[in-house]
């Protein structure tokens, strides 16, 4: 069962966050947090928060009564960054022209899932 979390309308361009999402997709959740902790980009902080939220959803005992989930068994199966809406602003240019400035937003989605132990 996949546990999901998302940050919608994040005020960062998806182009800046997608390489970070590609970096952690398929990794164990605790390894993904370690990777993002040492990345200098601002998008790494946003993605890190969403992964922590998905882990919190997975570790919540009310979500899955009777089943125990350990942090070491969680894998980031889906890390997706989609385009959100844009603020559009106009900047004056030479000879009476105007340039459009697009302030982009992102929707960051993460899903973690428990992998079965090979020892069982």
N, C-alpha and C. Protein backbone atom coordinates (compact mmCIF):
# COMPACT_ATOMS: atom_id res chain seq x y z
N UNK A 1 0.84 -1.18 0.00
CA UNK A 1 0.00 0.00 0.00
C UNK A 1 0.89 1.24 0.00
N UNK A 2 0.61 2.14 -0.91
CA UNK A 2 1.42 3.36 -1.02
C UNK A 2 0.84 4.45 -0.11
N UNK A 3 1.73 5.17 0.53
CA UNK A 3 1.34 6.31 1.36
C UNK A 3 1.81 7.57 0.66
N UNK A 4 0.90 8.51 0.49
CA UNK A 4 1.18 9.67 -0.35
C UNK A 4 1.18 10.97 0.45
N UNK A 5 1.88 11.95 -0.10
CA UNK A 5 1.86 13.31 0.44
C UNK A 5 2.12 14.24 -0.73
N UNK A 6 1.61 15.45 -0.63
CA UNK A 6 1.84 16.41 -1.71
C UNK A 6 1.92 17.83 -1.16
N UNK A 7 2.63 18.65 -1.89
CA UNK A 7 2.69 20.08 -1.61
C UNK A 7 2.23 20.76 -2.90
N UNK A 8 1.02 21.26 -2.86
CA UNK A 8 0.47 21.91 -4.04
C UNK A 8 0.73 23.41 -3.96
N UNK A 9 0.87 24.02 -5.11
CA UNK A 9 1.08 25.46 -5.25
C UNK A 9 2.38 25.92 -4.58
N UNK A 10 3.42 25.11 -4.68
CA UNK A 10 4.73 25.49 -4.15
C UNK A 10 5.29 26.59 -5.05
N UNK A 11 5.78 27.67 -4.45
CA UNK A 11 6.24 28.83 -5.21
C UNK A 11 7.68 28.63 -5.69
N UNK A 12 7.87 27.62 -6.55
CA UNK A 12 9.15 27.37 -7.17
C UNK A 12 8.86 26.73 -8.53
N UNK A 13 9.71 27.01 -9.48
CA UNK A 13 9.53 26.46 -10.81
C UNK A 13 9.75 24.94 -10.78
N UNK A 14 8.92 24.17 -11.48
CA UNK A 14 9.09 22.72 -11.48
C UNK A 14 10.43 22.30 -12.09
N UNK A 15 10.94 23.11 -12.97
CA UNK A 15 12.22 22.80 -13.61
C UNK A 15 13.37 22.75 -12.60
N UNK A 16 13.23 23.47 -11.49
CA UNK A 16 14.27 23.49 -10.46
C UNK A 16 14.17 22.31 -9.51
N UNK A 17 12.99 21.71 -9.40
CA UNK A 17 12.78 20.63 -8.42
C UNK A 17 12.87 19.25 -9.07
N UNK A 18 12.57 19.15 -10.37
CA UNK A 18 12.55 17.84 -11.03
C UNK A 18 13.86 17.07 -10.95
N UNK A 19 15.03 17.71 -11.14
CA UNK A 19 16.28 16.92 -11.01
C UNK A 19 16.45 16.32 -9.61
N UNK A 20 15.98 17.01 -8.59
CA UNK A 20 16.06 16.49 -7.23
C UNK A 20 15.11 15.31 -7.04
N UNK A 21 13.93 15.39 -7.64
CA UNK A 21 12.97 14.28 -7.55
C UNK A 21 13.52 13.06 -8.29
N UNK A 22 14.18 13.27 -9.42
CA UNK A 22 14.78 12.16 -10.15
C UNK A 22 15.89 11.51 -9.33
N UNK A 23 16.57 12.31 -8.52
CA UNK A 23 17.68 11.82 -7.72
C UNK A 23 17.22 10.85 -6.61
N UNK A 24 16.03 11.08 -6.05
CA UNK A 24 15.59 10.27 -4.91
C UNK A 24 14.57 9.20 -5.27
N UNK A 25 14.05 9.22 -6.48
CA UNK A 25 13.05 8.23 -6.88
C UNK A 25 13.68 6.84 -6.89
N UNK A 26 13.02 5.89 -6.22
CA UNK A 26 13.51 4.52 -6.16
C UNK A 26 14.45 4.24 -5.00
N UNK A 27 14.80 5.24 -4.24
CA UNK A 27 15.71 5.07 -3.10
C UNK A 27 14.91 4.76 -1.83
N UNK A 28 15.59 4.20 -0.84
CA UNK A 28 14.96 4.04 0.46
C UNK A 28 14.69 5.44 1.03
N UNK A 29 13.63 5.56 1.81
CA UNK A 29 13.19 6.88 2.28
C UNK A 29 14.25 7.56 3.14
N UNK A 30 14.90 6.80 4.03
CA UNK A 30 15.91 7.43 4.88
C UNK A 30 17.14 7.83 4.07
N UNK A 31 17.48 7.05 3.03
CA UNK A 31 18.59 7.43 2.14
C UNK A 31 18.23 8.68 1.33
N UNK A 32 16.96 8.78 0.91
CA UNK A 32 16.52 9.95 0.14
C UNK A 32 16.63 11.21 0.98
N UNK A 33 16.27 11.12 2.27
CA UNK A 33 16.40 12.29 3.15
C UNK A 33 17.86 12.67 3.35
N UNK A 34 18.73 11.66 3.45
CA UNK A 34 20.16 11.96 3.59
C UNK A 34 20.72 12.63 2.34
N UNK A 35 20.28 12.18 1.17
CA UNK A 35 20.75 12.78 -0.09
C UNK A 35 20.31 14.24 -0.16
N UNK A 36 19.04 14.49 0.16
CA UNK A 36 18.51 15.86 0.04
C UNK A 36 19.08 16.80 1.09
N UNK A 37 19.47 16.27 2.24
CA UNK A 37 19.98 17.10 3.31
C UNK A 37 21.24 17.86 2.87
N UNK A 38 22.04 17.24 2.00
CA UNK A 38 23.30 17.84 1.60
C UNK A 38 23.23 18.55 0.25
N UNK A 39 22.04 18.70 -0.29
CA UNK A 39 21.88 19.46 -1.53
C UNK A 39 21.65 20.93 -1.20
N UNK A 40 22.33 21.85 -1.88
CA UNK A 40 22.21 23.27 -1.53
C UNK A 40 20.95 23.95 -2.07
N UNK A 41 20.21 23.31 -2.96
CA UNK A 41 19.07 23.96 -3.60
C UNK A 41 17.91 24.15 -2.64
N UNK A 42 17.15 25.20 -2.89
CA UNK A 42 15.96 25.48 -2.09
C UNK A 42 14.89 24.42 -2.33
N UNK A 43 14.82 23.89 -3.53
CA UNK A 43 13.85 22.85 -3.84
C UNK A 43 14.07 21.58 -3.05
N UNK A 44 15.30 21.34 -2.62
CA UNK A 44 15.59 20.16 -1.82
C UNK A 44 14.89 20.25 -0.47
N UNK A 45 14.79 21.46 0.09
CA UNK A 45 14.08 21.62 1.37
C UNK A 45 12.59 21.31 1.20
N UNK A 46 12.01 21.77 0.09
CA UNK A 46 10.58 21.53 -0.14
C UNK A 46 10.31 20.05 -0.35
N UNK A 47 11.14 19.40 -1.15
CA UNK A 47 10.97 17.98 -1.42
C UNK A 47 11.20 17.15 -0.16
N UNK A 48 12.14 17.58 0.65
CA UNK A 48 12.43 16.89 1.91
C UNK A 48 11.21 16.93 2.84
N UNK A 49 10.54 18.06 2.90
CA UNK A 49 9.35 18.18 3.75
C UNK A 49 8.22 17.27 3.27
N UNK A 50 8.06 17.16 1.96
CA UNK A 50 7.00 16.30 1.42
C UNK A 50 7.32 14.83 1.70
N UNK A 51 8.59 14.44 1.58
CA UNK A 51 8.96 13.06 1.88
C UNK A 51 8.74 12.77 3.36
N UNK A 52 9.09 13.72 4.23
CA UNK A 52 8.86 13.54 5.67
C UNK A 52 7.36 13.38 5.96
N UNK A 53 6.52 14.11 5.25
CA UNK A 53 5.08 14.00 5.44
C UNK A 53 4.57 12.63 4.99
N UNK A 54 5.07 12.13 3.87
CA UNK A 54 4.67 10.81 3.39
C UNK A 54 5.13 9.72 4.36
N UNK A 55 6.33 9.88 4.93
CA UNK A 55 6.82 8.92 5.93
C UNK A 55 5.93 8.97 7.18
N UNK A 56 5.55 10.18 7.59
CA UNK A 56 4.66 10.32 8.74
C UNK A 56 3.31 9.66 8.50
N UNK A 57 2.80 9.77 7.27
CA UNK A 57 1.55 9.09 6.93
C UNK A 57 1.71 7.58 7.01
N UNK A 58 2.87 7.09 6.59
CA UNK A 58 3.10 5.64 6.61
C UNK A 58 3.27 5.11 8.02
N UNK A 59 3.91 5.89 8.88
CA UNK A 59 4.18 5.42 10.24
C UNK A 59 3.01 5.65 11.20
N UNK A 60 1.95 6.31 10.74
CA UNK A 60 0.78 6.55 11.58
C UNK A 60 0.01 5.24 11.78
N UNK A 61 -0.15 4.78 13.03
CA UNK A 61 -0.81 3.49 13.25
C UNK A 61 -2.30 3.51 12.91
N UNK A 62 -2.92 4.68 12.85
CA UNK A 62 -4.34 4.73 12.50
C UNK A 62 -4.57 4.44 11.02
N UNK A 63 -3.56 4.63 10.20
CA UNK A 63 -3.69 4.38 8.75
C UNK A 63 -3.79 2.89 8.44
N UNK A 64 -3.12 2.07 9.24
CA UNK A 64 -3.06 0.63 8.97
C UNK A 64 -3.06 -0.14 10.29
N UNK A 65 -4.23 -0.37 10.86
CA UNK A 65 -4.29 -1.05 12.17
C UNK A 65 -3.78 -2.49 12.08
N UNK A 66 -3.01 -2.89 13.10
CA UNK A 66 -2.52 -4.25 13.16
C UNK A 66 -1.25 -4.53 12.39
N UNK A 67 -0.79 -3.58 11.61
CA UNK A 67 0.41 -3.78 10.80
C UNK A 67 1.50 -2.84 11.29
N UNK A 68 2.71 -3.34 11.40
CA UNK A 68 3.83 -2.49 11.82
C UNK A 68 4.69 -2.17 10.62
N UNK A 69 5.00 -0.91 10.47
CA UNK A 69 5.84 -0.45 9.37
C UNK A 69 7.06 0.22 9.97
N UNK A 70 8.23 -0.16 9.46
CA UNK A 70 9.48 0.43 9.93
C UNK A 70 9.99 1.41 8.89
N UNK A 71 10.67 2.43 9.36
CA UNK A 71 11.22 3.46 8.46
C UNK A 71 12.23 2.85 7.49
N UNK A 72 12.98 1.85 7.93
CA UNK A 72 14.02 1.25 7.08
C UNK A 72 13.43 0.49 5.89
N UNK A 73 12.14 0.14 5.95
CA UNK A 73 11.50 -0.64 4.89
C UNK A 73 10.78 0.22 3.86
N UNK A 74 10.76 1.54 4.05
CA UNK A 74 10.02 2.42 3.14
C UNK A 74 10.88 2.84 1.96
N UNK A 75 10.29 2.79 0.77
CA UNK A 75 10.97 3.17 -0.47
C UNK A 75 10.15 4.26 -1.16
N UNK A 76 10.83 5.26 -1.71
CA UNK A 76 10.16 6.32 -2.47
C UNK A 76 9.84 5.74 -3.84
N UNK A 77 8.59 5.37 -4.07
CA UNK A 77 8.24 4.75 -5.35
C UNK A 77 7.82 5.79 -6.38
N UNK A 78 7.38 6.96 -5.92
CA UNK A 78 6.95 7.99 -6.86
C UNK A 78 7.34 9.35 -6.32
N UNK A 79 8.10 10.10 -7.08
CA UNK A 79 8.42 11.49 -6.75
C UNK A 79 8.18 12.27 -8.02
N UNK A 80 7.13 13.05 -8.02
CA UNK A 80 6.69 13.72 -9.25
C UNK A 80 6.52 15.21 -8.99
N UNK A 81 6.94 16.02 -9.94
CA UNK A 81 6.79 17.48 -9.84
C UNK A 81 6.04 17.93 -11.08
N UNK A 82 4.85 18.46 -10.88
CA UNK A 82 4.00 18.90 -11.99
C UNK A 82 3.93 20.42 -12.01
N UNK A 83 3.57 20.94 -13.17
CA UNK A 83 3.41 22.39 -13.35
C UNK A 83 2.12 22.83 -12.68
N UNK A 84 2.18 23.90 -11.92
CA UNK A 84 1.00 24.50 -11.32
C UNK A 84 0.61 25.75 -12.10
N UNK A 85 -0.24 26.56 -11.54
CA UNK A 85 -0.61 27.80 -12.22
C UNK A 85 0.52 28.81 -12.20
N UNK A 86 0.36 29.89 -12.95
CA UNK A 86 1.39 30.93 -13.03
C UNK A 86 0.80 32.28 -12.66
N UNK A 87 1.60 33.06 -11.94
CA UNK A 87 1.30 34.48 -11.83
C UNK A 87 1.89 35.13 -13.06
N UNK A 88 1.15 36.02 -13.69
CA UNK A 88 1.68 36.70 -14.87
C UNK A 88 1.83 38.18 -14.56
N UNK A 89 3.02 38.66 -14.81
CA UNK A 89 3.34 40.06 -14.57
C UNK A 89 3.88 40.67 -15.86
N UNK A 90 3.74 41.98 -15.99
CA UNK A 90 4.22 42.66 -17.20
C UNK A 90 5.36 43.59 -16.82
N UNK A 91 6.44 43.49 -17.60
CA UNK A 91 7.61 44.33 -17.37
C UNK A 91 7.76 45.27 -18.57
N UNK A 92 7.85 46.55 -18.33
CA UNK A 92 8.01 47.48 -19.45
C UNK A 92 9.38 47.33 -20.10
N UNK A 93 9.40 47.46 -21.42
CA UNK A 93 10.64 47.36 -22.18
C UNK A 93 10.78 48.59 -23.08
N UNK A 94 11.80 48.60 -23.86
CA UNK A 94 12.11 49.76 -24.70
C UNK A 94 11.04 49.96 -25.78
N UNK A 95 10.88 51.19 -26.20
CA UNK A 95 9.99 51.59 -27.29
C UNK A 95 8.55 51.19 -27.03
N UNK A 96 8.12 51.23 -25.77
CA UNK A 96 6.71 51.01 -25.44
C UNK A 96 6.26 49.57 -25.43
N UNK A 97 7.20 48.63 -25.58
CA UNK A 97 6.80 47.22 -25.56
C UNK A 97 6.69 46.72 -24.12
N UNK A 98 6.13 45.53 -23.98
CA UNK A 98 6.01 44.92 -22.66
C UNK A 98 6.38 43.44 -22.77
N UNK A 99 7.14 42.97 -21.80
CA UNK A 99 7.49 41.55 -21.72
C UNK A 99 6.68 40.91 -20.60
N UNK A 100 6.26 39.68 -20.84
CA UNK A 100 5.50 38.94 -19.86
C UNK A 100 6.46 38.18 -18.96
N UNK A 101 6.29 38.32 -17.65
CA UNK A 101 7.08 37.55 -16.68
C UNK A 101 6.15 36.52 -16.08
N UNK A 102 6.56 35.25 -16.15
CA UNK A 102 5.75 34.16 -15.62
C UNK A 102 6.37 33.68 -14.32
N UNK A 103 5.66 33.84 -13.22
CA UNK A 103 6.12 33.35 -11.92
C UNK A 103 5.44 32.00 -11.71
N UNK A 104 6.24 30.94 -11.86
CA UNK A 104 5.68 29.59 -11.93
C UNK A 104 5.49 28.95 -10.56
N UNK A 105 4.54 28.02 -10.50
CA UNK A 105 4.29 27.23 -9.29
C UNK A 105 4.38 25.75 -9.63
N UNK A 106 4.57 24.94 -8.59
CA UNK A 106 4.71 23.50 -8.76
C UNK A 106 3.74 22.76 -7.86
N UNK A 107 3.43 21.54 -8.27
CA UNK A 107 2.75 20.59 -7.42
C UNK A 107 3.73 19.44 -7.20
N UNK A 108 4.16 19.23 -5.96
CA UNK A 108 5.14 18.19 -5.64
C UNK A 108 4.39 17.02 -5.00
N UNK A 109 4.49 15.83 -5.61
CA UNK A 109 3.81 14.64 -5.12
C UNK A 109 4.84 13.55 -4.82
N UNK A 110 4.69 12.90 -3.67
CA UNK A 110 5.60 11.82 -3.27
C UNK A 110 4.77 10.65 -2.75
N UNK A 111 5.17 9.44 -3.10
CA UNK A 111 4.54 8.24 -2.57
C UNK A 111 5.63 7.31 -2.06
N UNK A 112 5.43 6.78 -0.86
CA UNK A 112 6.36 5.79 -0.30
C UNK A 112 5.60 4.49 -0.07
N UNK A 113 6.32 3.40 -0.18
CA UNK A 113 5.70 2.10 -0.01
C UNK A 113 6.64 1.19 0.76
N UNK A 114 6.06 0.27 1.51
CA UNK A 114 6.88 -0.67 2.29
C UNK A 114 7.30 -1.82 1.38
N UNK A 115 8.59 -2.13 1.39
CA UNK A 115 9.08 -3.30 0.65
C UNK A 115 9.13 -4.47 1.62
N UNK A 116 8.88 -5.65 1.09
CA UNK A 116 8.91 -6.84 1.93
C UNK A 116 10.35 -7.24 2.18
N UNK A 117 10.64 -7.65 3.40
CA UNK A 117 11.99 -8.11 3.74
C UNK A 117 12.32 -9.39 2.98
N UNK A 118 13.54 -9.49 2.52
CA UNK A 118 13.96 -10.70 1.81
C UNK A 118 14.20 -11.85 2.79
N UNK A 119 14.36 -11.54 4.07
CA UNK A 119 14.62 -12.57 5.07
C UNK A 119 13.37 -13.34 5.44
N UNK A 120 12.20 -12.76 5.23
CA UNK A 120 10.94 -13.42 5.64
C UNK A 120 10.61 -14.59 4.75
